């Protein structure tokens, strides 16, 4: 009887040891390993697996940002779109997140570019100085997405309006078009500087400023 009790005790102890050991191993999984695991899972075929990975990375937050930015080199456009959305949701550190999102303005996929600009818009005024700096970019997609984002953010006006008016003579029609739309979003506060551009700008600036002012006039009716 004693030997049976001893055997049961040894069995119980073994089970407890196994359970505790397993718990320790799980809890000892490094944060970096966990982040990389979820980033890889974002490329899974199953939509539920991808959604679960995105949710976990969102909960991890800022510690995942560096790894997410590195993963923007992925060949999977859906994964890149998810990453830029996540970066916008996490939103910090701003000095890492915003340049990565601006870099995505040049992505080959329209969906990634659009998601990146919407992510920047969701982050608000803190992104404006970064956006203003990119208008010297030779890439028209980058300038176009930046103009869109500035128009959606809409503040501070003293920084945004002069930059958008400066785009009215951009060599790319799409950049001019999106800048006009951004000024239309801002509305009345842009009228004085648009009128100044109409009276004193170069030929292309005057032409585009007239279009913007005409469209504003029609909106009021």
N, C-alpha and C. Protein backbone atom coordinates (compact mmCIF):
# COMPACT_ATOMS: atom_id res chain seq x y z
N UNK A 1 0.84 -1.21 0.00
CA UNK A 1 0.00 0.00 0.00
C UNK A 1 0.86 1.25 0.00
N UNK A 2 1.94 1.16 0.83
CA UNK A 2 2.88 2.28 0.91
C UNK A 2 3.55 2.53 -0.43
N UNK A 3 3.89 1.44 -1.14
CA UNK A 3 4.57 1.58 -2.43
C UNK A 3 3.63 2.20 -3.46
N UNK A 4 2.32 1.89 -3.38
CA UNK A 4 1.34 2.47 -4.30
C UNK A 4 1.24 3.98 -4.06
N UNK A 5 1.19 4.35 -2.74
CA UNK A 5 1.11 5.78 -2.41
C UNK A 5 2.35 6.52 -2.89
N UNK A 6 3.51 5.88 -2.69
CA UNK A 6 4.76 6.51 -3.14
C UNK A 6 4.78 6.70 -4.66
N UNK A 7 4.26 5.66 -5.36
CA UNK A 7 4.21 5.74 -6.82
C UNK A 7 3.29 6.85 -7.28
N UNK A 8 2.14 6.99 -6.62
CA UNK A 8 1.18 8.05 -6.97
C UNK A 8 1.80 9.42 -6.72
N UNK A 9 2.52 9.52 -5.59
CA UNK A 9 3.14 10.79 -5.24
C UNK A 9 4.19 11.18 -6.28
N UNK A 10 5.00 10.14 -6.68
CA UNK A 10 6.03 10.42 -7.70
C UNK A 10 5.39 10.85 -9.01
N UNK A 11 4.27 10.19 -9.38
CA UNK A 11 3.56 10.53 -10.62
C UNK A 11 3.01 11.97 -10.57
N UNK A 12 2.40 12.31 -9.41
CA UNK A 12 1.85 13.66 -9.23
C UNK A 12 2.95 14.71 -9.31
N UNK A 13 4.07 14.42 -8.68
CA UNK A 13 5.20 15.35 -8.71
C UNK A 13 5.73 15.53 -10.12
N UNK A 14 5.79 14.43 -10.87
CA UNK A 14 6.27 14.50 -12.26
C UNK A 14 5.36 15.37 -13.12
N UNK A 15 4.05 15.17 -12.92
CA UNK A 15 3.08 15.97 -13.69
C UNK A 15 3.22 17.43 -13.35
N UNK A 16 3.31 17.74 -12.04
CA UNK A 16 3.47 19.12 -11.62
C UNK A 16 4.74 19.74 -12.17
N UNK A 17 5.82 18.96 -12.15
CA UNK A 17 7.10 19.44 -12.68
C UNK A 17 6.97 19.77 -14.17
N UNK A 18 6.29 18.90 -14.92
CA UNK A 18 6.10 19.11 -16.36
C UNK A 18 5.27 20.38 -16.62
N UNK A 19 4.19 20.54 -15.84
CA UNK A 19 3.30 21.71 -16.02
C UNK A 19 4.04 22.99 -15.70
N UNK A 20 4.76 23.02 -14.57
CA UNK A 20 5.49 24.22 -14.17
C UNK A 20 6.58 24.55 -15.18
N UNK A 21 7.27 23.50 -15.64
CA UNK A 21 8.34 23.69 -16.63
C UNK A 21 7.79 24.31 -17.92
N UNK A 22 6.62 23.80 -18.34
CA UNK A 22 5.98 24.31 -19.57
C UNK A 22 5.60 25.78 -19.40
N UNK A 23 5.07 26.11 -18.21
CA UNK A 23 4.68 27.49 -17.94
C UNK A 23 5.89 28.41 -17.97
N UNK A 24 6.99 27.94 -17.41
CA UNK A 24 8.22 28.74 -17.40
C UNK A 24 8.72 28.97 -18.82
N UNK A 25 8.69 27.91 -19.65
CA UNK A 25 9.15 28.03 -21.03
C UNK A 25 8.31 29.03 -21.81
N UNK A 26 6.99 28.98 -21.60
CA UNK A 26 6.10 29.91 -22.30
C UNK A 26 6.37 31.34 -21.86
N UNK A 27 6.50 31.52 -20.53
CA UNK A 27 6.68 32.87 -20.01
C UNK A 27 8.06 33.42 -20.37
N UNK A 28 9.02 32.54 -20.67
CA UNK A 28 10.37 32.98 -20.99
C UNK A 28 10.56 33.31 -22.47
N UNK A 29 9.52 33.15 -23.27
CA UNK A 29 9.62 33.50 -24.68
C UNK A 29 9.94 34.99 -24.78
N UNK A 30 11.03 35.33 -25.46
CA UNK A 30 11.47 36.72 -25.51
C UNK A 30 10.47 37.57 -26.28
N UNK A 31 10.35 38.86 -25.89
CA UNK A 31 9.44 39.75 -26.63
C UNK A 31 9.79 39.83 -28.11
N UNK A 32 11.09 39.83 -28.42
CA UNK A 32 11.52 39.90 -29.82
C UNK A 32 11.05 38.69 -30.60
N UNK A 33 11.15 37.52 -29.99
CA UNK A 33 10.70 36.29 -30.65
C UNK A 33 9.19 36.33 -30.87
N UNK A 34 8.47 36.82 -29.86
CA UNK A 34 7.01 36.91 -29.96
C UNK A 34 6.60 37.85 -31.09
N UNK A 35 7.27 39.00 -31.17
CA UNK A 35 6.96 39.99 -32.22
C UNK A 35 7.23 39.39 -33.59
N UNK A 36 8.37 38.76 -33.76
CA UNK A 36 8.71 38.17 -35.06
C UNK A 36 7.72 37.07 -35.44
N UNK A 37 7.28 36.32 -34.44
CA UNK A 37 6.30 35.25 -34.69
C UNK A 37 5.00 35.84 -35.24
N UNK A 38 4.53 36.91 -34.64
CA UNK A 38 3.27 37.53 -35.09
C UNK A 38 3.43 38.21 -36.44
N UNK A 39 4.60 38.79 -36.69
CA UNK A 39 4.83 39.42 -37.99
C UNK A 39 4.80 38.37 -39.09
N UNK A 40 5.42 37.24 -38.86
CA UNK A 40 5.36 36.14 -39.84
C UNK A 40 3.92 35.67 -40.03
N UNK A 41 3.16 35.63 -38.94
CA UNK A 41 1.77 35.19 -38.99
C UNK A 41 0.90 36.14 -39.81
N UNK A 42 1.32 37.40 -39.93
CA UNK A 42 0.57 38.36 -40.74
C UNK A 42 0.56 37.98 -42.22
N UNK A 43 1.49 37.13 -42.62
CA UNK A 43 1.54 36.66 -44.00
C UNK A 43 0.82 35.34 -44.21
N UNK A 44 0.10 34.87 -43.19
CA UNK A 44 -0.59 33.58 -43.27
C UNK A 44 -1.72 33.62 -44.30
N UNK A 45 -2.06 32.45 -44.82
CA UNK A 45 -3.15 32.35 -45.79
C UNK A 45 -4.51 32.54 -45.14
N UNK A 46 -4.61 32.10 -43.88
CA UNK A 46 -5.89 32.16 -43.18
C UNK A 46 -6.15 33.57 -42.64
N UNK A 47 -7.30 34.15 -42.98
CA UNK A 47 -7.63 35.52 -42.58
C UNK A 47 -7.71 35.67 -41.06
N UNK A 48 -8.21 34.63 -40.38
CA UNK A 48 -8.30 34.69 -38.91
C UNK A 48 -6.93 34.74 -38.27
N UNK A 49 -5.98 33.99 -38.84
CA UNK A 49 -4.61 34.01 -38.33
C UNK A 49 -4.00 35.40 -38.51
N UNK A 50 -4.24 36.00 -39.68
CA UNK A 50 -3.70 37.34 -39.93
C UNK A 50 -4.30 38.36 -38.96
N UNK A 51 -5.62 38.28 -38.78
CA UNK A 51 -6.30 39.21 -37.88
C UNK A 51 -5.79 39.06 -36.44
N UNK A 52 -5.57 37.82 -36.03
CA UNK A 52 -5.07 37.57 -34.68
C UNK A 52 -3.68 38.16 -34.50
N UNK A 53 -2.83 38.01 -35.52
CA UNK A 53 -1.47 38.55 -35.45
C UNK A 53 -1.50 40.08 -35.35
N UNK A 54 -2.34 40.71 -36.16
CA UNK A 54 -2.46 42.17 -36.13
C UNK A 54 -2.92 42.63 -34.75
N UNK A 55 -3.91 41.94 -34.19
CA UNK A 55 -4.43 42.30 -32.86
C UNK A 55 -3.34 42.21 -31.80
N UNK A 56 -2.55 41.12 -31.83
CA UNK A 56 -1.50 40.94 -30.82
C UNK A 56 -0.42 42.02 -30.96
N UNK A 57 -0.03 42.33 -32.20
CA UNK A 57 1.00 43.35 -32.40
C UNK A 57 0.51 44.73 -31.98
N UNK A 58 -0.76 44.98 -32.19
CA UNK A 58 -1.35 46.25 -31.75
C UNK A 58 -1.29 46.35 -30.23
N UNK A 59 -1.54 45.23 -29.55
CA UNK A 59 -1.48 45.21 -28.09
C UNK A 59 -0.05 45.39 -27.58
N UNK A 60 0.91 44.82 -28.30
CA UNK A 60 2.33 44.97 -27.92
C UNK A 60 2.76 46.42 -28.06
N UNK A 61 2.30 47.07 -29.13
CA UNK A 61 2.52 48.50 -29.29
C UNK A 61 3.93 48.89 -29.72
N UNK A 62 4.43 49.97 -29.12
CA UNK A 62 5.69 50.60 -29.54
C UNK A 62 6.89 49.64 -29.62
N UNK A 63 7.02 48.65 -28.72
CA UNK A 63 8.17 47.75 -28.84
C UNK A 63 8.22 46.96 -30.16
N UNK A 64 7.09 46.89 -30.87
CA UNK A 64 7.07 46.14 -32.13
C UNK A 64 7.41 47.00 -33.34
N UNK A 65 7.54 48.32 -33.15
CA UNK A 65 7.66 49.24 -34.29
C UNK A 65 8.90 48.97 -35.14
N UNK A 66 10.06 48.80 -34.52
CA UNK A 66 11.29 48.58 -35.29
C UNK A 66 11.19 47.34 -36.17
N UNK A 67 10.64 46.27 -35.62
CA UNK A 67 10.50 45.03 -36.39
C UNK A 67 9.46 45.18 -37.50
N UNK A 68 8.39 45.92 -37.23
CA UNK A 68 7.37 46.17 -38.25
C UNK A 68 7.95 46.96 -39.42
N UNK A 69 8.76 47.96 -39.11
CA UNK A 69 9.38 48.77 -40.17
C UNK A 69 10.30 47.91 -41.03
N UNK A 70 11.07 47.03 -40.39
CA UNK A 70 11.94 46.14 -41.17
C UNK A 70 11.12 45.22 -42.07
N UNK A 71 9.94 44.83 -41.61
CA UNK A 71 9.09 43.90 -42.38
C UNK A 71 8.41 44.58 -43.56
N UNK A 72 8.53 45.90 -43.69
CA UNK A 72 7.97 46.59 -44.85
C UNK A 72 8.68 46.20 -46.15
N UNK A 73 9.78 45.47 -46.03
CA UNK A 73 10.48 44.95 -47.22
C UNK A 73 9.79 43.70 -47.77
N UNK A 74 8.72 43.24 -47.10
CA UNK A 74 8.02 42.03 -47.54
C UNK A 74 7.55 42.15 -48.99
N UNK A 75 7.55 41.03 -49.70
CA UNK A 75 7.06 41.00 -51.07
C UNK A 75 5.54 40.89 -51.12
N UNK A 76 4.91 40.71 -49.96
CA UNK A 76 3.45 40.54 -49.88
C UNK A 76 2.78 41.90 -49.68
N UNK A 77 2.08 42.43 -50.71
CA UNK A 77 1.49 43.77 -50.58
C UNK A 77 0.41 43.87 -49.51
N UNK A 78 -0.35 42.79 -49.30
CA UNK A 78 -1.38 42.80 -48.25
C UNK A 78 -0.73 42.92 -46.87
N UNK A 79 0.40 42.25 -46.71
CA UNK A 79 1.13 42.33 -45.44
C UNK A 79 1.67 43.74 -45.23
N UNK A 80 2.20 44.36 -46.30
CA UNK A 80 2.72 45.73 -46.18
C UNK A 80 1.60 46.70 -45.82
N UNK A 81 0.42 46.49 -46.42
CA UNK A 81 -0.73 47.35 -46.10
C UNK A 81 -1.13 47.21 -44.64
N UNK A 82 -1.12 45.98 -44.13
CA UNK A 82 -1.44 45.75 -42.72
C UNK A 82 -0.41 46.42 -41.80
N UNK A 83 0.85 46.36 -42.23
CA UNK A 83 1.91 46.94 -41.41
C UNK A 83 1.76 48.45 -41.32
N UNK A 84 1.50 49.12 -42.46
CA UNK A 84 1.38 50.59 -42.40
C UNK A 84 0.14 51.00 -41.61
N UNK A 85 -0.92 50.19 -41.70
CA UNK A 85 -2.10 50.48 -40.88
C UNK A 85 -1.74 50.36 -39.39
N UNK A 86 -1.03 49.28 -39.05
CA UNK A 86 -0.64 49.06 -37.65
C UNK A 86 0.25 50.17 -37.13
N UNK A 87 1.20 50.61 -37.95
CA UNK A 87 2.11 51.68 -37.53
C UNK A 87 1.32 52.94 -37.19
N UNK A 88 0.30 53.24 -38.00
CA UNK A 88 -0.54 54.40 -37.72
C UNK A 88 -1.32 54.24 -36.43
N UNK A 89 -1.79 53.01 -36.17
CA UNK A 89 -2.55 52.76 -34.93
C UNK A 89 -1.65 52.87 -33.70
N UNK A 90 -0.43 52.36 -33.82
CA UNK A 90 0.50 52.44 -32.69
C UNK A 90 0.97 53.89 -32.51
N UNK A 91 1.41 54.50 -33.59
CA UNK A 91 1.65 55.94 -33.62
C UNK A 91 2.88 56.48 -32.92
N UNK A 92 3.65 55.63 -32.29
CA UNK A 92 4.85 56.11 -31.61
C UNK A 92 5.92 55.02 -31.56
N UNK A 93 7.17 55.42 -31.49
CA UNK A 93 7.67 56.79 -31.48
C UNK A 93 7.49 57.48 -32.83
N UNK A 94 7.01 58.73 -32.80
CA UNK A 94 6.67 59.47 -34.01
C UNK A 94 7.86 59.55 -34.96
N UNK A 95 9.05 59.76 -34.40
CA UNK A 95 10.24 59.94 -35.25
C UNK A 95 10.63 58.67 -36.00
N UNK A 96 10.11 57.53 -35.59
CA UNK A 96 10.32 56.28 -36.34
C UNK A 96 9.14 55.98 -37.26
N UNK A 97 7.94 56.15 -36.73
CA UNK A 97 6.73 55.75 -37.45
C UNK A 97 6.49 56.61 -38.69
N UNK A 98 6.57 57.93 -38.54
CA UNK A 98 6.20 58.82 -39.65
C UNK A 98 7.14 58.66 -40.85
N UNK A 99 8.47 58.67 -40.68
CA UNK A 99 9.33 58.45 -41.85
C UNK A 99 9.07 57.11 -42.55
N UNK A 100 8.74 56.08 -41.77
CA UNK A 100 8.43 54.78 -42.38
C UNK A 100 7.16 54.85 -43.22
N UNK A 101 6.16 55.55 -42.71
CA UNK A 101 4.91 55.71 -43.46
C UNK A 101 5.12 56.56 -44.71
N UNK A 102 5.92 57.61 -44.59
CA UNK A 102 6.21 58.44 -45.76
C UNK A 102 6.98 57.63 -46.80
N UNK A 103 7.88 56.80 -46.35
CA UNK A 103 8.60 55.91 -47.28
C UNK A 103 7.61 55.02 -48.04
N UNK A 104 6.55 54.61 -47.36
CA UNK A 104 5.53 53.76 -48.00
C UNK A 104 4.70 54.51 -49.03
N UNK A 105 4.78 55.85 -49.05
CA UNK A 105 4.10 56.63 -50.09
C UNK A 105 4.61 56.24 -51.49
N UNK A 106 5.83 55.71 -51.54
CA UNK A 106 6.43 55.34 -52.82
C UNK A 106 6.23 53.87 -53.15
N UNK A 107 5.43 53.16 -52.35
CA UNK A 107 5.20 51.73 -52.58
C UNK A 107 4.60 51.50 -53.97
N UNK A 108 4.93 50.35 -54.56
CA UNK A 108 4.43 50.03 -55.90
C UNK A 108 2.92 49.81 -55.92
N UNK A 109 2.32 49.47 -54.76
CA UNK A 109 0.90 49.17 -54.69
C UNK A 109 0.10 50.37 -54.20
N UNK A 110 -0.93 50.72 -54.95
CA UNK A 110 -1.79 51.85 -54.59
C UNK A 110 -2.41 51.69 -53.21
N UNK A 111 -2.84 50.46 -52.88
CA UNK A 111 -3.48 50.22 -51.59
C UNK A 111 -2.53 50.53 -50.43
N UNK A 112 -1.25 50.18 -50.61
CA UNK A 112 -0.27 50.45 -49.55
C UNK A 112 -0.06 51.96 -49.42
N UNK A 113 0.06 52.65 -50.57
CA UNK A 113 0.26 54.10 -50.54
C UNK A 113 -0.91 54.81 -49.86
N UNK A 114 -2.13 54.41 -50.22
CA UNK A 114 -3.33 55.04 -49.65
C UNK A 114 -3.43 54.76 -48.16
N UNK A 115 -3.16 53.52 -47.76
CA UNK A 115 -3.23 53.16 -46.34
C UNK A 115 -2.19 53.93 -45.54
N UNK A 116 -1.01 54.12 -46.12
CA UNK A 116 0.04 54.87 -45.44
C UNK A 116 -0.38 56.32 -45.21
N UNK A 117 -0.99 56.95 -46.22
CA UNK A 117 -1.40 58.35 -46.05
C UNK A 117 -2.55 58.46 -45.04
N UNK A 118 -3.49 57.51 -45.06
CA UNK A 118 -4.58 57.52 -44.08
C UNK A 118 -4.04 57.29 -42.67
N UNK A 119 -3.03 56.47 -42.54
CA UNK A 119 -2.41 56.24 -41.23
C UNK A 119 -1.77 57.51 -40.70
N UNK A 120 -1.11 58.25 -41.58
CA UNK A 120 -0.50 59.52 -41.17
C UNK A 120 -1.58 60.52 -40.77
N UNK A 121 -2.66 60.56 -41.53
CA UNK A 121 -3.78 61.45 -41.19
C UNK A 121 -4.29 61.13 -39.78
N UNK A 122 -4.41 59.86 -39.47
CA UNK A 122 -4.94 59.45 -38.16
C UNK A 122 -4.03 59.90 -37.01
N UNK A 123 -2.76 60.13 -37.32
CA UNK A 123 -1.80 60.56 -36.28
C UNK A 123 -1.85 62.07 -36.05
N UNK A 124 -2.40 62.82 -37.00
CA UNK A 124 -2.66 64.24 -36.77
C UNK A 124 -1.48 65.18 -36.94
N UNK A 125 -1.53 66.30 -36.20
CA UNK A 125 -0.63 67.44 -36.42
C UNK A 125 0.85 67.12 -36.21
N UNK A 126 1.14 66.12 -35.42
CA UNK A 126 2.54 65.80 -35.14
C UNK A 126 3.30 65.37 -36.40
N UNK A 127 2.55 64.98 -37.44
CA UNK A 127 3.18 64.50 -38.67
C UNK A 127 3.49 65.62 -39.67
N UNK A 128 2.91 66.81 -39.44
CA UNK A 128 2.99 67.89 -40.45
C UNK A 128 4.42 68.29 -40.80
N UNK A 129 5.32 68.52 -39.83
CA UNK A 129 6.69 68.89 -40.22
C UNK A 129 7.38 67.84 -41.10
N UNK A 130 7.11 66.57 -40.83
CA UNK A 130 7.68 65.50 -41.65
C UNK A 130 7.13 65.57 -43.08
N UNK A 131 5.82 65.80 -43.19
CA UNK A 131 5.17 65.86 -44.51
C UNK A 131 5.70 67.04 -45.33
N UNK A 132 5.87 68.18 -44.70
CA UNK A 132 6.35 69.37 -45.41
C UNK A 132 7.74 69.11 -45.99
N UNK A 133 8.55 68.36 -45.26
CA UNK A 133 9.92 68.11 -45.71
C UNK A 133 10.01 67.26 -46.98
N UNK A 134 8.94 66.54 -47.33
CA UNK A 134 9.05 65.60 -48.46
C UNK A 134 8.69 66.22 -49.80
N UNK A 135 8.30 67.49 -49.83
CA UNK A 135 7.88 68.06 -51.11
C UNK A 135 9.03 68.32 -52.07
N UNK A 136 10.24 68.12 -51.61
CA UNK A 136 11.38 68.15 -52.51
C UNK A 136 11.66 66.81 -53.15
N UNK A 137 10.87 65.80 -52.81
CA UNK A 137 11.08 64.45 -53.34
C UNK A 137 10.87 64.43 -54.85
N UNK A 138 11.71 63.71 -55.59
CA UNK A 138 11.50 63.57 -57.04
C UNK A 138 10.35 62.63 -57.38
N UNK A 139 9.82 61.91 -56.37
CA UNK A 139 8.76 60.93 -56.60
C UNK A 139 7.39 61.61 -56.49
N UNK A 140 6.66 61.64 -57.61
CA UNK A 140 5.36 62.31 -57.64
C UNK A 140 4.35 61.65 -56.72
N UNK A 141 4.40 60.32 -56.56
CA UNK A 141 3.47 59.63 -55.66
C UNK A 141 3.66 60.11 -54.22
N UNK A 142 4.92 60.31 -53.83
CA UNK A 142 5.22 60.78 -52.47
C UNK A 142 4.64 62.18 -52.27
N UNK A 143 4.86 63.06 -53.23
CA UNK A 143 4.35 64.44 -53.11
C UNK A 143 2.82 64.45 -53.11
N UNK A 144 2.22 63.60 -53.93
CA UNK A 144 0.76 63.54 -54.01
C UNK A 144 0.15 63.07 -52.70
N UNK A 145 0.68 62.00 -52.13
CA UNK A 145 0.13 61.48 -50.88
C UNK A 145 0.35 62.47 -49.73
N UNK A 146 1.48 63.16 -49.75
CA UNK A 146 1.75 64.15 -48.71
C UNK A 146 0.75 65.31 -48.80
N UNK A 147 0.44 65.75 -50.03
CA UNK A 147 -0.54 66.84 -50.21
C UNK A 147 -1.92 66.40 -49.71
N UNK A 148 -2.30 65.16 -50.04
CA UNK A 148 -3.58 64.63 -49.57
C UNK A 148 -3.63 64.65 -48.04
N UNK A 149 -2.56 64.14 -47.41
CA UNK A 149 -2.54 64.05 -45.95
C UNK A 149 -2.62 65.43 -45.31
N UNK A 150 -1.91 66.42 -45.85
CA UNK A 150 -1.96 67.76 -45.29
C UNK A 150 -3.37 68.34 -45.36
N UNK A 151 -4.05 68.12 -46.48
CA UNK A 151 -5.42 68.61 -46.61
C UNK A 151 -6.38 67.97 -45.64
N UNK A 152 -6.16 66.70 -45.34
CA UNK A 152 -7.03 65.99 -44.39
C UNK A 152 -6.74 66.40 -42.94
N UNK A 153 -5.47 66.62 -42.63
CA UNK A 153 -5.10 67.02 -41.27
C UNK A 153 -5.58 68.45 -41.01
N UNK A 154 -5.26 69.35 -41.94
CA UNK A 154 -5.84 70.69 -41.93
C UNK A 154 -5.31 71.69 -40.92
N UNK A 155 -4.39 71.31 -40.07
CA UNK A 155 -3.81 72.20 -39.06
C UNK A 155 -2.32 71.86 -38.91
N UNK A 156 -1.50 72.83 -38.56
CA UNK A 156 -1.75 74.26 -38.41
C UNK A 156 -1.78 74.96 -39.78
N UNK A 157 -2.75 75.85 -39.96
CA UNK A 157 -2.98 76.48 -41.26
C UNK A 157 -1.78 77.29 -41.74
N UNK A 158 -1.07 77.94 -40.81
CA UNK A 158 0.04 78.80 -41.22
C UNK A 158 1.19 78.01 -41.82
N UNK A 159 1.25 76.72 -41.54
CA UNK A 159 2.26 75.86 -42.16
C UNK A 159 1.73 75.17 -43.42
N UNK A 160 0.49 74.72 -43.35
CA UNK A 160 -0.05 73.87 -44.41
C UNK A 160 -0.41 74.66 -45.67
N UNK A 161 -1.09 75.78 -45.53
CA UNK A 161 -1.59 76.50 -46.71
C UNK A 161 -0.45 76.96 -47.63
N UNK A 162 0.62 77.58 -47.11
CA UNK A 162 1.69 78.01 -48.03
C UNK A 162 2.32 76.85 -48.80
N UNK A 163 2.44 75.69 -48.14
CA UNK A 163 3.03 74.53 -48.81
C UNK A 163 2.13 74.04 -49.93
N UNK A 164 0.83 73.96 -49.67
CA UNK A 164 -0.11 73.50 -50.69
C UNK A 164 -0.17 74.48 -51.88
N UNK A 165 -0.13 75.76 -51.59
CA UNK A 165 -0.12 76.75 -52.68
C UNK A 165 1.18 76.65 -53.47
N UNK A 166 2.26 76.34 -52.77
CA UNK A 166 3.54 76.13 -53.46
C UNK A 166 3.50 74.96 -54.43
N UNK A 167 2.55 74.04 -54.22
CA UNK A 167 2.42 72.87 -55.11
C UNK A 167 1.61 73.18 -56.37
N UNK A 168 1.03 74.35 -56.46
CA UNK A 168 0.13 74.63 -57.57
C UNK A 168 0.85 74.71 -58.92
N UNK A 169 2.18 74.83 -58.87
CA UNK A 169 2.94 74.79 -60.12
C UNK A 169 3.78 73.52 -60.23
N UNK A 170 3.43 72.50 -59.43
CA UNK A 170 4.15 71.22 -59.51
C UNK A 170 4.12 70.69 -60.94
N UNK A 171 5.22 70.05 -61.34
CA UNK A 171 5.30 69.56 -62.73
C UNK A 171 4.35 68.40 -63.01
N UNK A 172 3.83 67.76 -61.95
CA UNK A 172 2.91 66.63 -62.11
C UNK A 172 1.47 67.09 -61.87
N UNK A 173 0.61 66.83 -62.85
CA UNK A 173 -0.78 67.25 -62.76
C UNK A 173 -1.46 66.67 -61.53
N UNK A 174 -1.21 65.40 -61.20
CA UNK A 174 -1.88 64.77 -60.06
C UNK A 174 -1.52 65.46 -58.74
N UNK A 175 -0.29 65.94 -58.62
CA UNK A 175 0.10 66.66 -57.40
C UNK A 175 -0.65 67.97 -57.32
N UNK A 176 -0.76 68.68 -58.46
CA UNK A 176 -1.53 69.94 -58.49
C UNK A 176 -3.00 69.66 -58.15
N UNK A 177 -3.56 68.60 -58.74
CA UNK A 177 -4.98 68.27 -58.52
C UNK A 177 -5.26 67.98 -57.04
N UNK A 178 -4.41 67.16 -56.43
CA UNK A 178 -4.62 66.79 -55.03
C UNK A 178 -4.40 68.00 -54.11
N UNK A 179 -3.46 68.87 -54.48
CA UNK A 179 -3.23 70.08 -53.69
C UNK A 179 -4.44 71.01 -53.74
N UNK A 180 -5.07 71.13 -54.92
CA UNK A 180 -6.29 71.93 -55.03
C UNK A 180 -7.38 71.32 -54.14
N UNK A 181 -7.53 70.00 -54.20
CA UNK A 181 -8.53 69.34 -53.37
C UNK A 181 -8.26 69.58 -51.89
N UNK A 182 -6.98 69.55 -51.51
CA UNK A 182 -6.62 69.79 -50.11
C UNK A 182 -6.99 71.21 -49.69
N UNK A 183 -6.75 72.18 -50.58
CA UNK A 183 -7.11 73.56 -50.28
C UNK A 183 -8.63 73.73 -50.19
N UNK A 184 -9.35 72.99 -51.03
CA UNK A 184 -10.82 73.01 -50.96
C UNK A 184 -11.31 72.46 -49.62
N UNK A 185 -10.63 71.44 -49.12
CA UNK A 185 -10.99 70.89 -47.80
C UNK A 185 -10.79 71.94 -46.70
N UNK A 186 -9.73 72.71 -46.84
CA UNK A 186 -9.44 73.75 -45.83
C UNK A 186 -10.46 74.88 -45.95
N UNK A 187 -10.82 75.22 -47.20
CA UNK A 187 -11.89 76.19 -47.42
C UNK A 187 -11.51 77.64 -47.23
N UNK A 188 -12.38 78.40 -46.59
CA UNK A 188 -12.27 79.85 -46.47
C UNK A 188 -10.90 80.34 -45.98
N UNK A 189 -10.28 79.69 -45.01
CA UNK A 189 -8.98 80.18 -44.54
C UNK A 189 -7.91 80.23 -45.63
N UNK A 190 -8.11 79.48 -46.73
CA UNK A 190 -7.10 79.46 -47.80
C UNK A 190 -7.33 80.53 -48.85
N UNK A 191 -8.47 81.21 -48.80
CA UNK A 191 -8.85 82.13 -49.89
C UNK A 191 -7.85 83.27 -50.06
N UNK A 192 -7.44 83.89 -48.96
CA UNK A 192 -6.55 85.06 -49.06
C UNK A 192 -5.25 84.70 -49.76
N UNK A 193 -4.66 83.58 -49.39
CA UNK A 193 -3.38 83.20 -50.01
C UNK A 193 -3.57 82.69 -51.44
N UNK A 194 -4.71 82.08 -51.71
CA UNK A 194 -5.01 81.69 -53.10
C UNK A 194 -5.17 82.93 -53.98
N UNK A 195 -5.82 83.95 -53.45
CA UNK A 195 -5.99 85.20 -54.20
C UNK A 195 -4.65 85.86 -54.46
N UNK A 196 -3.77 85.82 -53.47
CA UNK A 196 -2.41 86.34 -53.64
C UNK A 196 -1.67 85.57 -54.74
N UNK A 197 -1.83 84.25 -54.74
CA UNK A 197 -1.18 83.43 -55.77
C UNK A 197 -1.76 83.73 -57.15
N UNK A 198 -3.06 83.98 -57.20
CA UNK A 198 -3.72 84.32 -58.47
C UNK A 198 -3.18 85.64 -59.04
N UNK A 199 -2.90 86.58 -58.16
CA UNK A 199 -2.46 87.90 -58.61
C UNK A 199 -0.96 87.99 -58.88
N UNK A 200 -0.18 87.17 -58.16
CA UNK A 200 1.27 87.36 -58.22
C UNK A 200 2.07 86.09 -58.54
N UNK A 201 1.40 84.96 -58.69
CA UNK A 201 2.14 83.73 -58.99
C UNK A 201 2.55 83.64 -60.44
N UNK A 202 3.34 82.58 -60.75
CA UNK A 202 3.67 82.36 -62.16
C UNK A 202 2.44 81.84 -62.90
N UNK A 203 2.60 81.62 -64.19
CA UNK A 203 1.44 81.31 -65.03
C UNK A 203 0.68 80.07 -64.57
N UNK A 204 1.43 79.00 -64.27
CA UNK A 204 0.78 77.75 -63.85
C UNK A 204 0.12 77.90 -62.49
N UNK A 205 0.81 78.60 -61.58
CA UNK A 205 0.23 78.85 -60.25
C UNK A 205 -1.07 79.64 -60.36
N UNK A 206 -1.06 80.67 -61.20
CA UNK A 206 -2.27 81.48 -61.40
C UNK A 206 -3.42 80.64 -61.96
N UNK A 207 -3.11 79.81 -62.93
CA UNK A 207 -4.15 78.98 -63.55
C UNK A 207 -4.77 78.03 -62.52
N UNK A 208 -3.92 77.37 -61.73
CA UNK A 208 -4.42 76.40 -60.75
C UNK A 208 -5.13 77.10 -59.59
N UNK A 209 -4.62 78.26 -59.18
CA UNK A 209 -5.29 79.03 -58.12
C UNK A 209 -6.68 79.45 -58.56
N UNK A 210 -6.82 79.83 -59.84
CA UNK A 210 -8.14 80.22 -60.36
C UNK A 210 -9.11 79.04 -60.30
N UNK A 211 -8.61 77.85 -60.64
CA UNK A 211 -9.45 76.64 -60.57
C UNK A 211 -9.94 76.43 -59.13
N UNK A 212 -9.01 76.56 -58.17
CA UNK A 212 -9.36 76.34 -56.77
C UNK A 212 -10.39 77.35 -56.30
N UNK A 213 -10.18 78.62 -56.63
CA UNK A 213 -11.11 79.67 -56.20
C UNK A 213 -12.48 79.50 -56.85
N UNK A 214 -12.49 79.13 -58.14
CA UNK A 214 -13.77 78.89 -58.83
C UNK A 214 -14.54 77.76 -58.16
N UNK A 215 -13.83 76.68 -57.80
CA UNK A 215 -14.51 75.54 -57.18
C UNK A 215 -15.02 75.90 -55.78
N UNK A 216 -14.25 76.72 -55.07
CA UNK A 216 -14.73 77.18 -53.75
C UNK A 216 -16.00 78.01 -53.91
N UNK A 217 -16.02 78.85 -54.94
CA UNK A 217 -17.18 79.69 -55.19
C UNK A 217 -18.41 78.85 -55.50
N UNK A 218 -18.23 77.79 -56.28
CA UNK A 218 -19.36 76.91 -56.63
C UNK A 218 -19.86 76.15 -55.40
N UNK A 219 -18.95 75.80 -54.49
CA UNK A 219 -19.36 75.08 -53.28
C UNK A 219 -20.27 75.93 -52.39
N UNK A 220 -20.07 77.23 -52.41
CA UNK A 220 -20.86 78.12 -51.55
C UNK A 220 -22.30 78.25 -52.05
N UNK A 221 -22.53 77.96 -53.33
CA UNK A 221 -23.86 78.18 -53.90
C UNK A 221 -24.83 77.06 -53.52
